[in-house]
Amino acid sequence: MSISSSNLERTPVTDQIVVRCRKGDVRAFHELYEAYSKAMYNICLRMTGHASDAEDVLQEAFIQVFKNLDKLTSDSSLTAWIKRIVVNHCLSYLRKKKVYFEEVGESDTAEETAVDETHYAMTVSAVKDAIGQLPDGYRTVLNLYIFEEYSHREIAGMLGISESTAKTQFMRAKEKVRQLVKLKTT
């Protein structure tokens, strides 16, 4: 019995695998890892920006997942719980790297202006490349907001920065991506 990687929602199958993991079933650990590792690796890669770092962070995160499966409550989403552990490990990694988040005052945050993006030939690879070129702080906030769907308030709490700083980092990251994509496509 295995979990389909296309359906990572909590089901009787995932519950049974968690029970087997708690009993020390090595095959169940493997099944759980196989089901979640690709999606969680993508989070790590987006957050760290480097494949080798993403692999290291993913490995550390899954060690914590396996050690703490007994703390997973019956009403918790397994996917959300694993994702939270992975994101926290990514943030710890970035803190160790001393990622810099530029603090800004309230007056520094401006409302986003509408930009006509129809003339940009934004291909997926151009955007991926541009995101990969962002400074770690910008990339972290952009990934947490767009891909992991955290609010600016949640991001601020996770990173220990103000909400206005999180918003500004996001706006600057988006603008930098636009600039990089425009340079690449012109």
N, C-alpha and C. Protein backbone atom coordinates (compact mmCIF):
# COMPACT_ATOMS: atom_id res chain seq x y z
N MET A 1 0.86 -1.17 0.00
CA MET A 1 0.00 0.00 0.00
C MET A 1 0.89 1.23 0.00
N SER A 2 0.64 2.16 -0.91
CA SER A 2 1.46 3.36 -0.94
C SER A 2 0.58 4.58 -1.18
N ILE A 3 1.17 5.73 -0.91
CA ILE A 3 0.48 7.00 -1.10
C ILE A 3 0.76 7.48 -2.50
N SER A 4 -0.26 7.93 -3.19
CA SER A 4 -0.06 8.51 -4.51
C SER A 4 0.48 9.92 -4.34
N SER A 5 1.56 10.24 -5.05
CA SER A 5 2.13 11.57 -4.94
C SER A 5 1.22 12.64 -5.53
N SER A 6 0.22 12.23 -6.29
CA SER A 6 -0.70 13.22 -6.86
C SER A 6 -1.79 13.61 -5.86
N ASN A 7 -1.95 12.83 -4.79
CA ASN A 7 -2.97 13.14 -3.79
C ASN A 7 -2.33 13.08 -2.41
N LEU A 8 -1.87 14.23 -1.93
CA LEU A 8 -1.18 14.26 -0.66
C LEU A 8 -2.08 14.64 0.50
N GLU A 9 -3.37 14.62 0.30
CA GLU A 9 -4.29 14.92 1.39
C GLU A 9 -4.35 13.75 2.35
N ARG A 10 -4.75 14.06 3.56
CA ARG A 10 -4.85 13.02 4.58
C ARG A 10 -5.99 12.06 4.22
N THR A 11 -5.68 10.80 4.23
CA THR A 11 -6.64 9.75 3.89
C THR A 11 -6.43 8.59 4.86
N PRO A 12 -7.30 7.61 4.83
CA PRO A 12 -7.05 6.42 5.65
C PRO A 12 -5.70 5.76 5.32
N VAL A 13 -5.29 5.84 4.07
CA VAL A 13 -4.00 5.26 3.67
C VAL A 13 -2.86 6.01 4.34
N THR A 14 -2.89 7.35 4.30
CA THR A 14 -1.81 8.12 4.94
C THR A 14 -1.84 7.90 6.44
N ASP A 15 -3.03 7.83 7.02
CA ASP A 15 -3.12 7.57 8.46
C ASP A 15 -2.50 6.22 8.81
N GLN A 16 -2.75 5.22 7.97
CA GLN A 16 -2.20 3.89 8.22
C GLN A 16 -0.68 3.90 8.09
N ILE A 17 -0.16 4.64 7.12
CA ILE A 17 1.30 4.73 6.96
C ILE A 17 1.92 5.43 8.16
N VAL A 18 1.28 6.47 8.66
CA VAL A 18 1.78 7.16 9.85
C VAL A 18 1.80 6.19 11.04
N VAL A 19 0.75 5.41 11.20
CA VAL A 19 0.70 4.42 12.29
C VAL A 19 1.86 3.43 12.13
N ARG A 20 2.08 2.96 10.91
CA ARG A 20 3.17 2.01 10.66
C ARG A 20 4.53 2.66 10.95
N CYS A 21 4.68 3.92 10.57
CA CYS A 21 5.93 4.64 10.87
C CYS A 21 6.16 4.73 12.38
N ARG A 22 5.10 5.04 13.11
CA ARG A 22 5.21 5.14 14.56
C ARG A 22 5.63 3.83 15.20
N LYS A 23 5.32 2.72 14.52
CA LYS A 23 5.71 1.40 15.01
C LYS A 23 7.11 1.01 14.53
N GLY A 24 7.74 1.89 13.74
CA GLY A 24 9.10 1.63 13.29
C GLY A 24 9.21 0.86 11.99
N ASP A 25 8.13 0.77 11.21
CA ASP A 25 8.13 0.05 9.94
C ASP A 25 8.97 0.85 8.92
N VAL A 26 10.13 0.31 8.55
CA VAL A 26 11.04 1.00 7.64
C VAL A 26 10.40 1.24 6.28
N ARG A 27 9.63 0.28 5.80
CA ARG A 27 8.97 0.43 4.50
C ARG A 27 7.99 1.61 4.54
N ALA A 28 7.32 1.81 5.65
CA ALA A 28 6.37 2.92 5.78
C ALA A 28 7.11 4.26 5.74
N PHE A 29 8.28 4.33 6.38
CA PHE A 29 9.08 5.55 6.30
C PHE A 29 9.42 5.86 4.84
N HIS A 30 9.82 4.84 4.13
CA HIS A 30 10.16 5.01 2.71
C HIS A 30 8.94 5.48 1.91
N GLU A 31 7.79 4.88 2.15
CA GLU A 31 6.57 5.27 1.43
C GLU A 31 6.20 6.73 1.71
N LEU A 32 6.32 7.12 2.96
CA LEU A 32 6.01 8.50 3.33
C LEU A 32 6.99 9.47 2.66
N TYR A 33 8.26 9.13 2.70
CA TYR A 33 9.28 9.96 2.07
C TYR A 33 9.03 10.07 0.56
N GLU A 34 8.78 8.95 -0.08
CA GLU A 34 8.55 8.95 -1.53
C GLU A 34 7.33 9.79 -1.91
N ALA A 35 6.31 9.75 -1.09
CA ALA A 35 5.09 10.49 -1.40
C ALA A 35 5.27 12.01 -1.28
N TYR A 36 6.09 12.44 -0.34
CA TYR A 36 6.20 13.87 -0.05
C TYR A 36 7.51 14.52 -0.47
N SER A 37 8.53 13.75 -0.74
CA SER A 37 9.85 14.33 -0.95
C SER A 37 9.94 15.24 -2.17
N LYS A 38 9.30 14.91 -3.27
CA LYS A 38 9.41 15.75 -4.47
C LYS A 38 8.80 17.13 -4.23
N ALA A 39 7.62 17.15 -3.67
CA ALA A 39 6.97 18.45 -3.41
C ALA A 39 7.77 19.26 -2.39
N MET A 40 8.27 18.59 -1.37
CA MET A 40 9.03 19.29 -0.33
C MET A 40 10.41 19.72 -0.83
N TYR A 41 10.99 18.92 -1.71
CA TYR A 41 12.27 19.31 -2.33
C TYR A 41 12.09 20.60 -3.13
N ASN A 42 10.98 20.70 -3.84
CA ASN A 42 10.74 21.92 -4.63
C ASN A 42 10.66 23.15 -3.73
N ILE A 43 10.06 23.01 -2.56
CA ILE A 43 10.04 24.12 -1.60
C ILE A 43 11.47 24.45 -1.19
N CYS A 44 12.24 23.45 -0.84
CA CYS A 44 13.63 23.67 -0.41
C CYS A 44 14.45 24.33 -1.52
N LEU A 45 14.27 23.88 -2.74
CA LEU A 45 15.02 24.44 -3.85
C LEU A 45 14.66 25.90 -4.09
N ARG A 46 13.37 26.19 -4.05
CA ARG A 46 12.94 27.58 -4.22
C ARG A 46 13.50 28.47 -3.11
N MET A 47 13.51 27.95 -1.90
CA MET A 47 13.93 28.77 -0.76
C MET A 47 15.45 28.91 -0.67
N THR A 48 16.19 27.85 -0.94
CA THR A 48 17.64 27.92 -0.79
C THR A 48 18.34 28.40 -2.05
N GLY A 49 17.75 28.10 -3.20
CA GLY A 49 18.32 28.54 -4.46
C GLY A 49 19.39 27.62 -5.03
N HIS A 50 19.74 26.55 -4.32
CA HIS A 50 20.80 25.64 -4.78
C HIS A 50 20.39 24.20 -4.51
N ALA A 51 20.60 23.34 -5.50
CA ALA A 51 20.17 21.95 -5.39
C ALA A 51 20.83 21.23 -4.22
N SER A 52 22.13 21.39 -4.05
CA SER A 52 22.80 20.67 -2.96
C SER A 52 22.31 21.13 -1.59
N ASP A 53 22.08 22.44 -1.45
CA ASP A 53 21.55 22.96 -0.18
C ASP A 53 20.13 22.45 0.04
N ALA A 54 19.34 22.42 -1.03
CA ALA A 54 17.96 21.93 -0.92
C ALA A 54 17.93 20.48 -0.48
N GLU A 55 18.83 19.67 -1.01
CA GLU A 55 18.89 18.25 -0.62
C GLU A 55 19.25 18.11 0.85
N ASP A 56 20.22 18.91 1.30
CA ASP A 56 20.63 18.86 2.71
C ASP A 56 19.48 19.26 3.64
N VAL A 57 18.82 20.36 3.30
CA VAL A 57 17.72 20.86 4.12
C VAL A 57 16.57 19.85 4.13
N LEU A 58 16.28 19.28 2.98
CA LEU A 58 15.21 18.28 2.89
C LEU A 58 15.52 17.08 3.78
N GLN A 59 16.74 16.62 3.74
CA GLN A 59 17.13 15.47 4.56
C GLN A 59 16.96 15.79 6.05
N GLU A 60 17.43 16.95 6.48
CA GLU A 60 17.29 17.35 7.88
C GLU A 60 15.82 17.47 8.27
N ALA A 61 15.01 18.03 7.37
CA ALA A 61 13.59 18.19 7.66
C ALA A 61 12.90 16.84 7.82
N PHE A 62 13.21 15.88 6.95
CA PHE A 62 12.57 14.58 7.06
C PHE A 62 13.04 13.81 8.29
N ILE A 63 14.26 14.04 8.71
CA ILE A 63 14.70 13.43 9.97
C ILE A 63 13.80 13.93 11.11
N GLN A 64 13.52 15.24 11.10
CA GLN A 64 12.63 15.79 12.13
C GLN A 64 11.21 15.26 11.98
N VAL A 65 10.74 15.15 10.76
CA VAL A 65 9.40 14.59 10.53
C VAL A 65 9.32 13.19 11.14
N PHE A 66 10.28 12.35 10.82
CA PHE A 66 10.25 10.97 11.31
C PHE A 66 10.36 10.90 12.83
N LYS A 67 11.19 11.76 13.41
CA LYS A 67 11.35 11.76 14.87
C LYS A 67 10.11 12.25 15.60
N ASN A 68 9.32 13.09 14.93
CA ASN A 68 8.20 13.75 15.60
C ASN A 68 6.83 13.31 15.12
N LEU A 69 6.74 12.20 14.42
CA LEU A 69 5.44 11.72 13.95
C LEU A 69 4.46 11.50 15.09
N ASP A 70 4.96 11.20 16.27
CA ASP A 70 4.06 10.99 17.41
C ASP A 70 3.39 12.29 17.85
N LYS A 71 3.92 13.45 17.41
CA LYS A 71 3.33 14.74 17.77
C LYS A 71 2.24 15.18 16.79
N LEU A 72 2.11 14.46 15.68
CA LEU A 72 1.07 14.77 14.71
C LEU A 72 -0.28 14.39 15.31
N THR A 73 -1.17 15.37 15.39
CA THR A 73 -2.49 15.09 15.96
C THR A 73 -3.43 14.57 14.89
N SER A 74 -4.47 13.90 15.33
CA SER A 74 -5.40 13.28 14.38
C SER A 74 -6.16 14.30 13.54
N ASP A 75 -6.26 15.54 14.01
CA ASP A 75 -6.99 16.53 13.22
C ASP A 75 -6.07 17.41 12.39
N SER A 76 -4.77 17.13 12.41
CA SER A 76 -3.81 17.91 11.64
C SER A 76 -3.72 17.38 10.21
N SER A 77 -3.44 18.28 9.31
CA SER A 77 -3.16 17.89 7.94
C SER A 77 -1.72 17.43 7.87
N LEU A 78 -1.49 16.22 7.44
CA LEU A 78 -0.14 15.68 7.33
C LEU A 78 0.70 16.54 6.38
N THR A 79 0.13 16.90 5.25
CA THR A 79 0.86 17.72 4.28
C THR A 79 1.25 19.06 4.88
N ALA A 80 0.31 19.73 5.52
CA ALA A 80 0.61 21.03 6.11
C ALA A 80 1.65 20.91 7.22
N TRP A 81 1.58 19.84 7.99
CA TRP A 81 2.53 19.62 9.08
C TRP A 81 3.94 19.41 8.53
N ILE A 82 4.06 18.56 7.52
CA ILE A 82 5.37 18.31 6.90
C ILE A 82 5.89 19.59 6.25
N LYS A 83 5.01 20.29 5.54
CA LYS A 83 5.41 21.53 4.87
C LYS A 83 5.93 22.55 5.87
N ARG A 84 5.27 22.66 7.00
CA ARG A 84 5.70 23.62 8.02
C ARG A 84 7.10 23.27 8.54
N ILE A 85 7.36 21.99 8.75
CA ILE A 85 8.69 21.55 9.19
C ILE A 85 9.73 21.89 8.12
N VAL A 86 9.41 21.62 6.87
CA VAL A 86 10.33 21.90 5.76
C VAL A 86 10.61 23.40 5.66
N VAL A 87 9.58 24.21 5.69
CA VAL A 87 9.77 25.66 5.61
C VAL A 87 10.61 26.16 6.78
N ASN A 88 10.33 25.66 7.98
CA ASN A 88 11.11 26.07 9.14
C ASN A 88 12.58 25.69 9.00
N HIS A 89 12.86 24.52 8.44
CA HIS A 89 14.25 24.13 8.21
C HIS A 89 14.90 25.03 7.15
N CYS A 90 14.15 25.39 6.14
CA CYS A 90 14.68 26.32 5.12
C CYS A 90 15.02 27.66 5.76
N LEU A 91 14.12 28.15 6.60
CA LEU A 91 14.36 29.44 7.26
C LEU A 91 15.56 29.36 8.19
N SER A 92 15.71 28.25 8.89
CA SER A 92 16.89 28.06 9.76
C SER A 92 18.17 28.08 8.94
N TYR A 93 18.14 27.41 7.81
CA TYR A 93 19.29 27.40 6.90
C TYR A 93 19.63 28.83 6.47
N LEU A 94 18.61 29.58 6.07
CA LEU A 94 18.85 30.95 5.61
C LEU A 94 19.35 31.84 6.75
N ARG A 95 18.85 31.62 7.96
CA ARG A 95 19.35 32.40 9.10
C ARG A 95 20.83 32.12 9.34
N LYS A 96 21.21 30.85 9.22
CA LYS A 96 22.62 30.49 9.38
C LYS A 96 23.48 31.16 8.32
N LYS A 97 22.91 31.33 7.13
CA LYS A 97 23.62 32.02 6.06
C LYS A 97 23.61 33.53 6.28
N LYS A 98 22.87 33.96 7.28
CA LYS A 98 22.73 35.37 7.63
C LYS A 98 22.11 36.18 6.47
N VAL A 99 20.98 35.68 5.99
CA VAL A 99 20.24 36.38 4.96
C VAL A 99 19.80 37.73 5.50
N TYR A 100 19.96 38.74 4.72
CA TYR A 100 19.69 40.10 5.14
C TYR A 100 18.32 40.55 4.63
N PHE A 101 17.51 41.05 5.55
CA PHE A 101 16.21 41.63 5.20
C PHE A 101 16.29 43.11 5.54
N GLU A 102 16.20 43.93 4.56
CA GLU A 102 16.33 45.37 4.75
C GLU A 102 15.10 45.91 5.46
N GLU A 103 15.31 46.47 6.66
CA GLU A 103 14.20 47.07 7.42
C GLU A 103 13.80 48.39 6.76
N VAL A 104 12.52 48.63 6.72
CA VAL A 104 12.01 49.86 6.15
C VAL A 104 10.97 50.44 7.08
N GLY A 105 10.78 51.74 6.98
CA GLY A 105 9.74 52.39 7.75
C GLY A 105 8.43 52.36 7.00
N GLU A 106 7.37 52.71 7.70
CA GLU A 106 6.04 52.73 7.07
C GLU A 106 6.01 53.64 5.85
N SER A 107 6.73 54.75 5.90
CA SER A 107 6.69 55.71 4.79
C SER A 107 7.40 55.17 3.56
N ASP A 108 8.25 54.14 3.73
CA ASP A 108 8.97 53.57 2.60
C ASP A 108 8.13 52.61 1.78
N THR A 109 7.02 52.17 2.33
CA THR A 109 6.20 51.20 1.60
C THR A 109 5.19 51.96 0.76
N ALA A 110 5.27 51.73 -0.51
CA ALA A 110 4.35 52.38 -1.43
C ALA A 110 3.38 51.35 -1.97
N GLU A 111 2.24 51.82 -2.36
CA GLU A 111 1.28 50.92 -2.98
C GLU A 111 1.83 50.49 -4.34
N GLU A 112 1.52 49.27 -4.71
CA GLU A 112 1.96 48.79 -6.01
C GLU A 112 1.24 49.55 -7.10
N THR A 113 1.98 49.89 -8.13
CA THR A 113 1.37 50.54 -9.27
C THR A 113 1.14 49.47 -10.33
N ALA A 114 0.06 49.63 -11.04
CA ALA A 114 -0.27 48.67 -12.09
C ALA A 114 0.76 48.79 -13.21
N VAL A 115 1.23 47.66 -13.66
CA VAL A 115 2.22 47.63 -14.73
C VAL A 115 1.65 46.81 -15.87
N ASP A 116 1.73 47.37 -17.07
CA ASP A 116 1.27 46.63 -18.23
C ASP A 116 2.36 45.63 -18.60
N GLU A 117 2.10 44.37 -18.34
CA GLU A 117 3.11 43.35 -18.55
C GLU A 117 2.91 42.59 -19.86
N THR A 118 2.03 43.09 -20.71
CA THR A 118 1.74 42.36 -21.93
C THR A 118 2.94 42.32 -22.87
N HIS A 119 3.81 43.34 -22.79
CA HIS A 119 4.96 43.36 -23.69
C HIS A 119 6.11 42.48 -23.21
N TYR A 120 6.02 41.96 -22.00
CA TYR A 120 7.04 41.04 -21.50
C TYR A 120 6.74 39.65 -22.02
N ALA A 121 7.72 39.02 -22.53
CA ALA A 121 7.57 37.62 -22.96
C ALA A 121 8.00 36.75 -21.79
N MET A 122 7.14 36.69 -20.79
CA MET A 122 7.50 35.99 -19.55
C MET A 122 7.33 34.49 -19.71
N THR A 123 8.39 33.87 -20.08
CA THR A 123 8.35 32.42 -20.15
C THR A 123 8.63 31.86 -18.76
N VAL A 124 8.23 30.65 -18.56
CA VAL A 124 8.44 30.01 -17.27
C VAL A 124 9.93 29.96 -16.94
N SER A 125 10.73 29.58 -17.90
CA SER A 125 12.17 29.46 -17.61
C SER A 125 12.79 30.82 -17.33
N ALA A 126 12.35 31.87 -18.01
CA ALA A 126 12.89 33.21 -17.76
C ALA A 126 12.54 33.67 -16.35
N VAL A 127 11.33 33.39 -15.92
CA VAL A 127 10.91 33.78 -14.57
C VAL A 127 11.67 32.95 -13.54
N LYS A 128 11.80 31.64 -13.77
CA LYS A 128 12.56 30.79 -12.84
C LYS A 128 14.00 31.27 -12.71
N ASP A 129 14.61 31.57 -13.85
CA ASP A 129 15.98 32.07 -13.83
C ASP A 129 16.08 33.37 -13.06
N ALA A 130 15.13 34.26 -13.29
CA ALA A 130 15.13 35.55 -12.60
C ALA A 130 14.97 35.37 -11.10
N ILE A 131 14.07 34.50 -10.69
CA ILE A 131 13.88 34.24 -9.25
C ILE A 131 15.16 33.67 -8.65
N GLY A 132 15.82 32.81 -9.39
CA GLY A 132 17.07 32.23 -8.93
C GLY A 132 18.18 33.25 -8.75
N GLN A 133 18.11 34.36 -9.46
CA GLN A 133 19.12 35.41 -9.37
C GLN A 133 18.85 36.42 -8.25
N LEU A 134 17.69 36.33 -7.64
CA LEU A 134 17.35 37.28 -6.58
C LEU A 134 18.25 37.09 -5.37
N PRO A 135 18.50 38.18 -4.64
CA PRO A 135 19.18 38.02 -3.35
C PRO A 135 18.32 37.12 -2.45
N ASP A 136 18.97 36.42 -1.53
CA ASP A 136 18.26 35.44 -0.69
C ASP A 136 17.05 36.02 0.02
N GLY A 137 17.16 37.23 0.55
CA GLY A 137 16.05 37.85 1.27
C GLY A 137 14.83 38.06 0.39
N TYR A 138 15.06 38.61 -0.80
CA TYR A 138 13.97 38.83 -1.74
C TYR A 138 13.34 37.49 -2.14
N ARG A 139 14.21 36.52 -2.49
CA ARG A 139 13.71 35.22 -2.96
C ARG A 139 12.90 34.53 -1.87
N THR A 140 13.35 34.63 -0.63
CA THR A 140 12.65 33.99 0.48
C THR A 140 11.24 34.53 0.62
N VAL A 141 11.11 35.85 0.67
CA VAL A 141 9.80 36.47 0.84
C VAL A 141 8.91 36.17 -0.36
N LEU A 142 9.45 36.27 -1.56
CA LEU A 142 8.68 35.99 -2.77
C LEU A 142 8.16 34.55 -2.76
N ASN A 143 9.01 33.60 -2.43
CA ASN A 143 8.60 32.19 -2.39
C ASN A 143 7.55 31.93 -1.32
N LEU A 144 7.77 32.49 -0.13
CA LEU A 144 6.79 32.27 0.95
C LEU A 144 5.43 32.85 0.60
N TYR A 145 5.43 34.00 -0.07
CA TYR A 145 4.16 34.64 -0.39
C TYR A 145 3.47 33.99 -1.59
N ILE A 146 4.19 33.83 -2.68
CA ILE A 146 3.57 33.33 -3.92
C ILE A 146 3.36 31.82 -3.89
N PHE A 147 4.42 31.09 -3.61
CA PHE A 147 4.35 29.63 -3.75
C PHE A 147 3.81 28.93 -2.51
N GLU A 148 4.19 29.42 -1.34
CA GLU A 148 3.75 28.76 -0.11
C GLU A 148 2.48 29.39 0.46
N GLU A 149 2.07 30.50 -0.11
CA GLU A 149 0.80 31.18 0.19
C GLU A 149 0.66 31.64 1.64
N TYR A 150 1.78 32.12 2.22
CA TYR A 150 1.71 32.72 3.54
C TYR A 150 1.38 34.20 3.37
N SER A 151 0.70 34.77 4.35
CA SER A 151 0.39 36.20 4.32
C SER A 151 1.65 36.98 4.70
N HIS A 152 1.64 38.29 4.40
CA HIS A 152 2.78 39.13 4.79
C HIS A 152 2.95 39.12 6.31
N ARG A 153 1.87 39.08 7.03
CA ARG A 153 1.94 39.03 8.50
C ARG A 153 2.62 37.74 8.96
N GLU A 154 2.22 36.61 8.35
CA GLU A 154 2.83 35.33 8.71
C GLU A 154 4.32 35.32 8.35
N ILE A 155 4.65 35.85 7.19
CA ILE A 155 6.05 35.91 6.75
C ILE A 155 6.86 36.76 7.72
N ALA A 156 6.31 37.90 8.09
CA ALA A 156 7.00 38.78 9.03
C ALA A 156 7.29 38.04 10.34
N GLY A 157 6.31 37.31 10.83
CA GLY A 157 6.50 36.55 12.07
C GLY A 157 7.56 35.47 11.93
N MET A 158 7.54 34.77 10.81
CA MET A 158 8.52 33.71 10.59
C MET A 158 9.94 34.24 10.50
N LEU A 159 10.08 35.41 9.88
CA LEU A 159 11.41 35.95 9.61
C LEU A 159 11.87 36.95 10.66
N GLY A 160 10.99 37.32 11.57
CA GLY A 160 11.37 38.28 12.59
C GLY A 160 11.57 39.68 12.04
N ILE A 161 10.75 40.04 11.06
CA ILE A 161 10.80 41.37 10.46
C ILE A 161 9.42 41.99 10.56
N SER A 162 9.32 43.28 10.25
CA SER A 162 8.01 43.92 10.29
C SER A 162 7.20 43.52 9.07
N GLU A 163 5.89 43.66 9.18
CA GLU A 163 5.01 43.35 8.06
C GLU A 163 5.31 44.27 6.88
N SER A 164 5.59 45.54 7.15
CA SER A 164 5.89 46.47 6.06
C SER A 164 7.19 46.08 5.36
N THR A 165 8.15 45.54 6.11
CA THR A 165 9.39 45.07 5.50
C THR A 165 9.11 43.87 4.61
N ALA A 166 8.27 42.97 5.07
CA ALA A 166 7.91 41.81 4.25
C ALA A 166 7.24 42.26 2.95
N LYS A 167 6.34 43.23 3.05
CA LYS A 167 5.66 43.75 1.85
C LYS A 167 6.65 44.41 0.90
N THR A 168 7.55 45.20 1.47
CA THR A 168 8.54 45.90 0.64
C THR A 168 9.48 44.91 -0.04
N GLN A 169 9.94 43.90 0.70
CA GLN A 169 10.82 42.89 0.12
C GLN A 169 10.10 42.19 -1.04
N PHE A 170 8.82 41.90 -0.86
CA PHE A 170 8.04 41.25 -1.91
C PHE A 170 7.92 42.15 -3.14
N MET A 171 7.58 43.43 -2.91
CA MET A 171 7.43 44.35 -4.05
C MET A 171 8.75 44.52 -4.79
N ARG A 172 9.85 44.64 -4.05
CA ARG A 172 11.16 44.80 -4.68
C ARG A 172 11.56 43.52 -5.42
N ALA A 173 11.23 42.38 -4.87
CA ALA A 173 11.53 41.12 -5.54
C ALA A 173 10.77 41.02 -6.86
N LYS A 174 9.49 41.37 -6.83
CA LYS A 174 8.70 41.33 -8.07
C LYS A 174 9.28 42.27 -9.12
N GLU A 175 9.66 43.46 -8.69
CA GLU A 175 10.22 44.43 -9.63
C GLU A 175 11.55 43.92 -10.20
N LYS A 176 12.37 43.34 -9.35
CA LYS A 176 13.65 42.80 -9.81
C LYS A 176 13.43 41.66 -10.81
N VAL A 177 12.44 40.80 -10.54
CA VAL A 177 12.12 39.72 -11.48
C VAL A 177 11.68 40.33 -12.81
N ARG A 178 10.82 41.35 -12.77
CA ARG A 178 10.38 42.01 -14.01
C ARG A 178 11.58 42.54 -14.80
N GLN A 179 12.49 43.20 -14.10
CA GLN A 179 13.67 43.77 -14.76
C GLN A 179 14.53 42.68 -15.39
N LEU A 180 14.78 41.62 -14.64
CA LEU A 180 15.61 40.54 -15.14
C LEU A 180 14.98 39.84 -16.33
N VAL A 181 13.68 39.63 -16.27
CA VAL A 181 12.98 38.98 -17.38
C VAL A 181 13.00 39.89 -18.60
N LYS A 182 12.79 41.16 -18.37
CA LYS A 182 12.80 42.11 -19.49
C LYS A 182 14.16 42.14 -20.17
N LEU A 183 15.23 42.13 -19.38
CA LEU A 183 16.59 42.12 -19.95
C LEU A 183 16.83 40.86 -20.76
N LYS A 184 16.34 39.75 -20.25
CA LYS A 184 16.56 38.47 -20.91
C LYS A 184 15.77 38.35 -22.22
N THR A 185 14.62 38.98 -22.27
CA THR A 185 13.74 38.81 -23.44
C THR A 185 13.88 39.95 -24.43
N THR A 186 14.74 40.91 -24.16
CA THR A 186 14.91 42.00 -25.14
C THR A 186 16.20 41.86 -25.89
